[in-house]
Amino acid sequence: MSLPSWRYIILSSQFSTVIYQHINQWPWLDKRLCRLLFPQPSHSTSQDALEEIPLTFENVFEFIPLSIQNAFEAMRYQEKQMDSYSRFLSSLTGKNDHGTVYFRIMPNTNEVEMSPMELLLRRKATGIKDCRISPLNKLSWRIISSSVCGKIRECDSSHEVGIKSFQGNPGKLQSYDCIIYLMDTRWMSNNDLISTLESLAPHQILVIVVVEESRKKKKCMVQRFVETLRILGVFGNSPLTSAPTNWRLWCIKRSRRKFIKKWFSVLQWGYYDVICRRLESSQNGRSIPTN
C-alpha cells in the first residue's frame, strides 16, 4: 500500500530498531543500499562531526535522517536481489553456462611486509581445494593475485593452484571481470581503493571485503558495516557513493573456518554480478568483454 504522506517522516526509535534487526541478517551491502540507508548528512551535521561520533547503527539515524520510504525500498531491493541470486544458482547446470569469470584480488601487496596471518589469508583466497558442496563447483572461474615482490598466484575452477614469478603487471586491470579488494581493519586506507575504483571500466564489478580479527570484540553485522562505511567516507562526498559501477561490501572474520565459508559466498555473488552485467549489456545492444 502506498503511503505518500509518510514520504519524509523520519524513522522513530522503535521503527529504527525493527530496521536494525532486519538488516542485521544481511550478509552484504551495496551501493544502492547505502544510498538508501545512509543518504547525505544534513547540513547541520558536518563530516568532521560524523567522524568524531561513536557511530553505531542504533544512533546513526540521529545524525543521518532516513525516511520510511527509503527503508522499505531498501528491504524490497535486498529481498529481490536475494531471490534473483537464488534462482541463478538453482538454474546452473554446467560450467559452460555463462562463460568464465576472471577475478583479480587487490591490492598488490608487499609480501615481505605482510604478517603470517595476512599471507595465510592471501593463500586461502587462491587456494580453494574443496568446494564440492558449493555452487562454485558449477561455475567456470579463475582467480589471480599478485604482489609487488614479483609473484603471481592463481587458481581456477579445476582447483589447481599455481605460483610463478612475473615482471611488471600480470595483465591490465581492465581484462578482469570482478575486482575483489581485501581490506584489513587494523590499517584501512581508502586512497588505493578509490584509485582502483576510478580506474574500473563500466562493465567491471568491485567487491570490497573487509577482514576482521577473529579475536576482536564481537559486534553485530550492521555495526561492522557502519564503521567500515564511515572509514571509507560513504557518509561524505566519497567517490564510492557516485561510482559508475556497482559495488558490494562484505565483512569477514579472519578465522579459518568462517573465512572459507564466507569466501565461497563472496565469489559466487561476484560471479552472479558479472553475469547480470553481461546479460544487461547484451540486452541493451552493447558489447563487453567475456574473456
Protein backbone atom coordinates (compact mmCIF):
# COMPACT_ATOMS: atom_id res chain seq x y z
CA MET A 1 0.00 0.00 0.00
CA SER A 2 1.36 3.39 -0.96
CA LEU A 3 1.79 5.92 1.81
CA PRO A 4 2.83 9.16 0.07
CA SER A 5 2.09 11.26 3.15
CA TRP A 6 4.80 9.31 5.02
CA ARG A 7 7.45 10.07 2.46
CA TYR A 8 9.54 12.37 4.62
CA ILE A 9 8.73 11.01 8.05
CA ILE A 10 11.93 10.31 9.93
CA LEU A 11 12.19 6.87 11.47
CA SER A 12 11.18 6.70 15.10
CA SER A 13 13.44 4.99 17.60
CA GLN A 14 11.12 1.98 17.76
CA PHE A 15 10.89 1.63 14.00
CA SER A 16 14.64 2.05 13.50
CA THR A 17 15.13 -0.86 15.92
CA VAL A 18 12.96 -3.04 13.69
CA ILE A 19 15.01 -1.96 10.66
CA TYR A 20 18.19 -2.63 12.63
CA GLN A 21 17.13 -6.18 13.45
CA HIS A 22 16.14 -6.86 9.85
CA ILE A 23 19.30 -5.51 8.26
CA ASN A 24 21.46 -7.33 10.79
CA GLN A 25 20.62 -10.51 8.84
CA TRP A 26 22.02 -9.18 5.57
CA PRO A 27 25.39 -10.64 4.50
CA TRP A 28 26.38 -7.59 2.44
CA LEU A 29 25.57 -4.01 1.48
CA ASP A 30 25.97 -2.49 -1.97
CA LYS A 31 25.99 1.00 -3.44
CA ARG A 32 22.23 1.20 -3.85
CA LEU A 33 21.51 0.03 -0.31
CA CYS A 34 24.00 2.53 1.09
CA ARG A 35 22.43 5.38 -0.84
CA LEU A 36 19.01 4.41 0.52
CA LEU A 37 20.00 3.70 4.12
CA PHE A 38 22.66 6.38 4.53
CA PRO A 39 21.75 9.46 2.49
CA GLN A 40 23.96 12.52 2.70
CA PRO A 41 24.12 14.02 6.22
CA SER A 42 22.06 17.10 6.95
CA HIS A 43 23.78 20.46 6.59
CA SER A 44 23.72 20.80 10.37
CA THR A 45 25.99 17.76 10.71
CA SER A 46 29.46 18.16 9.26
CA GLN A 47 31.62 15.30 8.06
CA ASP A 48 34.15 16.10 10.79
CA ALA A 49 31.40 15.75 13.40
CA LEU A 50 30.38 12.39 11.99
CA GLU A 51 33.94 11.15 12.23
CA GLU A 52 34.06 12.05 15.93
CA ILE A 53 30.75 10.38 16.81
CA PRO A 54 30.99 6.78 18.11
CA LEU A 55 28.63 5.82 15.31
CA THR A 56 26.58 2.64 15.50
CA PHE A 57 23.52 1.59 13.57
CA GLU A 58 21.33 2.37 16.58
CA ASN A 59 22.29 6.04 16.65
CA VAL A 60 23.15 6.67 13.01
CA PHE A 61 19.64 7.89 12.25
CA GLU A 62 20.02 10.65 14.83
CA PHE A 63 22.59 12.23 12.51
CA ILE A 64 21.67 10.85 9.08
CA PRO A 65 17.88 11.01 8.62
CA LEU A 66 16.24 8.03 6.92
CA SER A 67 12.70 8.10 5.58
CA ILE A 68 10.28 5.22 5.93
CA GLN A 69 10.02 5.13 2.15
CA ASN A 70 13.77 4.60 1.80
CA ALA A 71 13.78 1.93 4.50
CA PHE A 72 11.08 -0.12 2.80
CA GLU A 73 12.62 0.40 -0.62
CA ALA A 74 15.94 -0.91 0.73
CA MET A 75 14.28 -4.02 2.15
CA ARG A 76 12.38 -4.69 -1.08
CA TYR A 77 15.54 -4.25 -3.14
CA GLN A 78 17.59 -6.56 -0.94
CA GLU A 79 14.90 -9.24 -0.96
CA LYS A 80 14.65 -9.02 -4.75
CA GLN A 81 18.43 -9.39 -5.04
CA MET A 82 18.46 -12.48 -2.82
CA ASP A 83 15.60 -14.07 -4.78
CA SER A 84 17.30 -13.40 -8.11
CA TYR A 85 20.60 -14.79 -6.80
CA SER A 86 18.90 -17.97 -5.54
CA ARG A 87 17.18 -18.51 -8.90
CA PHE A 88 20.51 -18.01 -10.67
CA LEU A 89 22.25 -20.67 -8.57
CA SER A 90 19.39 -23.14 -8.94
CA SER A 91 19.45 -22.72 -12.74
CA LEU A 92 23.11 -23.71 -13.10
CA THR A 93 23.66 -26.94 -14.98
CA GLY A 94 27.32 -26.83 -16.03
CA LYS A 95 30.48 -24.76 -16.08
CA ASN A 96 29.92 -23.58 -19.65
CA ASP A 97 26.54 -21.98 -18.96
CA HIS A 98 27.82 -18.41 -18.76
CA GLY A 99 31.49 -18.49 -19.71
CA THR A 100 34.49 -17.89 -17.49
CA VAL A 101 34.62 -15.05 -14.97
CA TYR A 102 38.06 -13.64 -14.16
CA PHE A 103 38.69 -12.37 -10.63
CA ARG A 104 41.58 -10.15 -9.57
CA ILE A 105 42.49 -9.78 -5.90
CA MET A 106 43.75 -6.35 -4.91
CA PRO A 107 45.72 -4.53 -3.71
CA ASN A 108 49.13 -5.62 -4.99
CA THR A 109 50.81 -6.01 -1.63
CA ASN A 110 54.38 -6.43 -0.46
CA GLU A 111 54.56 -9.99 0.87
CA VAL A 112 57.79 -9.23 2.71
CA GLU A 113 55.93 -6.78 4.95
CA MET A 114 52.83 -8.94 5.44
CA SER A 115 52.18 -10.75 8.70
CA PRO A 116 51.97 -14.58 8.68
CA MET A 117 48.20 -14.28 9.05
CA GLU A 118 47.96 -11.94 6.06
CA LEU A 119 49.99 -14.35 3.96
CA LEU A 120 47.72 -17.19 5.02
CA LEU A 121 44.67 -15.12 4.09
CA ARG A 122 46.00 -14.50 0.59
CA ARG A 123 46.77 -18.16 0.12
CA LYS A 124 43.28 -19.12 1.22
CA ALA A 125 41.80 -16.74 -1.32
CA THR A 126 43.60 -18.51 -4.17
CA GLY A 127 43.90 -21.94 -2.60
CA ILE A 128 40.36 -23.27 -2.88
CA LYS A 129 40.74 -27.04 -2.84
CA ASP A 130 37.37 -28.31 -1.75
CA CYS A 131 34.14 -26.69 -2.88
CA ARG A 132 32.26 -29.82 -3.89
CA ILE A 133 29.25 -28.81 -1.83
CA SER A 134 29.36 -25.24 -3.11
CA PRO A 135 27.75 -23.84 -6.29
CA LEU A 136 31.31 -22.77 -7.17
CA ASN A 137 31.74 -26.29 -8.45
CA LYS A 138 29.29 -25.49 -11.26
CA LEU A 139 30.97 -22.24 -12.29
CA SER A 140 33.93 -21.51 -14.52
CA TRP A 141 36.27 -19.02 -12.90
CA ARG A 142 39.88 -18.00 -12.44
CA ILE A 143 41.38 -16.02 -9.56
CA ILE A 144 44.58 -14.02 -9.88
CA SER A 145 46.51 -12.45 -7.00
CA SER A 146 49.85 -10.69 -7.40
CA SER A 147 52.35 -8.91 -5.20
CA VAL A 148 54.89 -6.15 -5.68
CA CYS A 149 57.59 -8.71 -4.91
CA GLY A 150 57.14 -10.35 -8.29
CA LYS A 151 54.92 -13.32 -7.56
CA ILE A 152 51.58 -14.22 -9.06
CA ARG A 153 49.28 -16.79 -7.50
CA GLU A 154 46.33 -18.17 -9.41
CA CYS A 155 43.58 -20.72 -9.01
CA ASP A 156 40.80 -21.81 -11.34
CA SER A 157 37.64 -23.90 -11.23
CA SER A 158 39.68 -27.07 -11.65
CA HIS A 159 41.13 -26.12 -8.22
CA GLU A 160 44.72 -26.09 -9.44
CA VAL A 161 46.95 -23.57 -7.71
CA GLY A 162 49.94 -22.13 -9.46
CA ILE A 163 52.68 -19.79 -8.26
CA LYS A 164 55.12 -18.17 -10.63
CA SER A 165 57.32 -15.13 -10.97
CA PHE A 166 56.48 -12.26 -13.26
CA GLN A 167 57.82 -8.89 -14.30
CA GLY A 168 55.52 -5.90 -14.39
CA ASN A 169 51.74 -6.10 -14.19
CA PRO A 170 50.08 -9.52 -14.69
CA GLY A 171 47.66 -8.20 -17.28
CA LYS A 172 45.78 -4.93 -17.36
CA LEU A 173 43.14 -4.41 -14.71
CA GLN A 174 40.53 -3.93 -17.45
CA SER A 175 40.95 -7.56 -18.52
CA TYR A 176 39.32 -8.79 -15.30
CA ASP A 177 35.58 -9.03 -14.70
CA CYS A 178 35.49 -8.71 -10.94
CA ILE A 179 37.94 -6.91 -8.68
CA ILE A 180 37.99 -8.17 -5.10
CA TYR A 181 39.63 -5.64 -2.81
CA LEU A 182 40.78 -7.08 0.53
CA MET A 183 40.99 -4.58 3.38
CA ASP A 184 42.35 -5.09 6.87
CA THR A 185 40.53 -3.31 9.70
CA ARG A 186 43.82 -2.73 11.51
CA TRP A 187 45.16 -0.37 8.86
CA MET A 188 42.41 0.56 6.48
CA SER A 189 43.21 3.26 3.95
CA ASN A 190 40.85 4.13 1.15
CA ASN A 191 43.30 6.03 -1.09
CA ASP A 192 44.36 2.99 -3.13
CA LEU A 193 40.81 1.66 -3.11
CA ILE A 194 39.48 4.92 -4.57
CA SER A 195 42.24 4.91 -7.17
CA THR A 196 41.29 1.35 -8.14
CA LEU A 197 37.60 2.27 -8.30
CA GLU A 198 38.25 5.23 -10.58
CA SER A 199 40.24 3.06 -12.99
CA LEU A 200 37.49 0.47 -13.46
CA ALA A 201 35.57 0.12 -16.71
CA PRO A 202 31.73 0.26 -16.61
CA HIS A 203 31.41 -3.49 -17.15
CA GLN A 204 33.60 -4.38 -14.16
CA ILE A 205 32.36 -5.28 -10.69
CA LEU A 206 34.04 -4.19 -7.45
CA VAL A 207 33.76 -6.29 -4.30
CA ILE A 208 35.16 -4.84 -1.07
CA VAL A 209 35.98 -7.47 1.55
CA VAL A 210 36.85 -6.15 4.99
CA VAL A 211 38.64 -8.79 7.04
CA GLU A 212 38.45 -8.53 10.83
CA GLU A 213 40.43 -10.21 13.56
CA SER A 214 38.58 -13.29 14.82
CA ARG A 215 39.51 -12.35 18.40
CA LYS A 216 38.20 -8.82 18.02
CA LYS A 217 35.34 -7.72 20.28
CA LYS A 218 32.15 -9.25 18.94
CA LYS A 219 29.98 -6.81 17.02
CA CYS A 220 26.76 -7.22 15.12
CA MET A 221 26.91 -7.14 11.34
CA VAL A 222 25.37 -3.71 10.86
CA GLN A 223 27.75 -2.13 13.33
CA ARG A 224 30.68 -3.53 11.33
CA PHE A 225 29.15 -2.14 8.14
CA VAL A 226 28.58 1.32 9.61
CA GLU A 227 32.11 1.58 11.00
CA THR A 228 33.62 0.42 7.70
CA LEU A 229 31.48 2.77 5.62
CA ARG A 230 32.50 5.70 7.75
CA ILE A 231 36.18 4.89 7.27
CA LEU A 232 35.58 4.62 3.52
CA GLY A 233 33.89 8.02 3.52
CA VAL A 234 30.46 6.87 2.34
CA PHE A 235 28.81 9.32 4.74
CA GLY A 236 30.61 12.17 2.98
CA ASN A 237 31.28 13.01 -0.64
CA SER A 238 33.19 9.82 -1.36
CA PRO A 239 33.67 8.56 -4.94
CA LEU A 240 32.12 5.32 -3.68
CA THR A 241 28.69 6.97 -3.49
CA SER A 242 28.86 8.23 -7.08
CA ALA A 243 30.78 5.35 -8.68
CA PRO A 244 29.59 4.45 -12.21
CA THR A 245 29.71 0.74 -11.34
CA ASN A 246 28.01 -1.09 -8.51
CA TRP A 247 30.00 -2.49 -5.61
CA ARG A 248 29.33 -4.82 -2.70
CA LEU A 249 30.76 -4.66 0.79
CA TRP A 250 31.37 -7.78 2.87
CA CYS A 251 32.77 -8.16 6.39
CA ILE A 252 34.53 -11.46 7.13
CA LYS A 253 36.15 -12.79 10.26
CA ARG A 254 39.75 -13.91 9.86
CA SER A 255 39.12 -17.32 11.49
CA ARG A 256 39.99 -20.19 9.15
CA ARG A 257 36.64 -21.96 9.23
CA LYS A 258 34.40 -18.91 8.83
CA PHE A 259 36.62 -17.26 6.23
CA ILE A 260 36.40 -20.11 3.71
CA LYS A 261 32.62 -20.40 4.02
CA LYS A 262 32.10 -16.65 3.56
CA TRP A 263 34.73 -16.54 0.79
CA PHE A 264 32.70 -19.00 -1.27
CA SER A 265 29.71 -16.65 -0.97
CA VAL A 266 31.82 -13.65 -2.00
CA LEU A 267 32.98 -15.42 -5.16
CA GLN A 268 29.51 -16.69 -6.01
CA TRP A 269 27.96 -13.24 -5.66
CA GLY A 270 30.80 -11.73 -7.69
CA TYR A 271 30.17 -14.28 -10.42
CA TYR A 272 26.43 -13.54 -10.29
CA ASP A 273 27.03 -9.77 -10.59
CA VAL A 274 29.31 -10.22 -13.60
CA ILE A 275 26.80 -12.43 -15.43
CA CYS A 276 23.97 -10.00 -14.68
CA ARG A 277 26.08 -7.18 -16.09
CA ARG A 278 26.85 -9.21 -19.23
CA LEU A 279 23.18 -10.06 -19.77
CA GLU A 280 22.11 -6.47 -19.17
CA SER A 281 24.69 -5.21 -21.64
CA SER A 282 23.70 -7.71 -24.33
CA GLN A 283 20.04 -6.74 -23.95
CA ASN A 284 20.98 -3.10 -24.43
CA GLY A 285 22.95 -3.94 -27.56
CA ARG A 286 26.36 -3.20 -26.09
CA SER A 287 29.36 -5.50 -26.35
CA ILE A 288 31.54 -6.12 -23.31
CA PRO A 289 34.49 -8.45 -22.78
CA THR A 290 33.56 -12.03 -21.92
CA ASN A 291 37.11 -13.42 -21.84
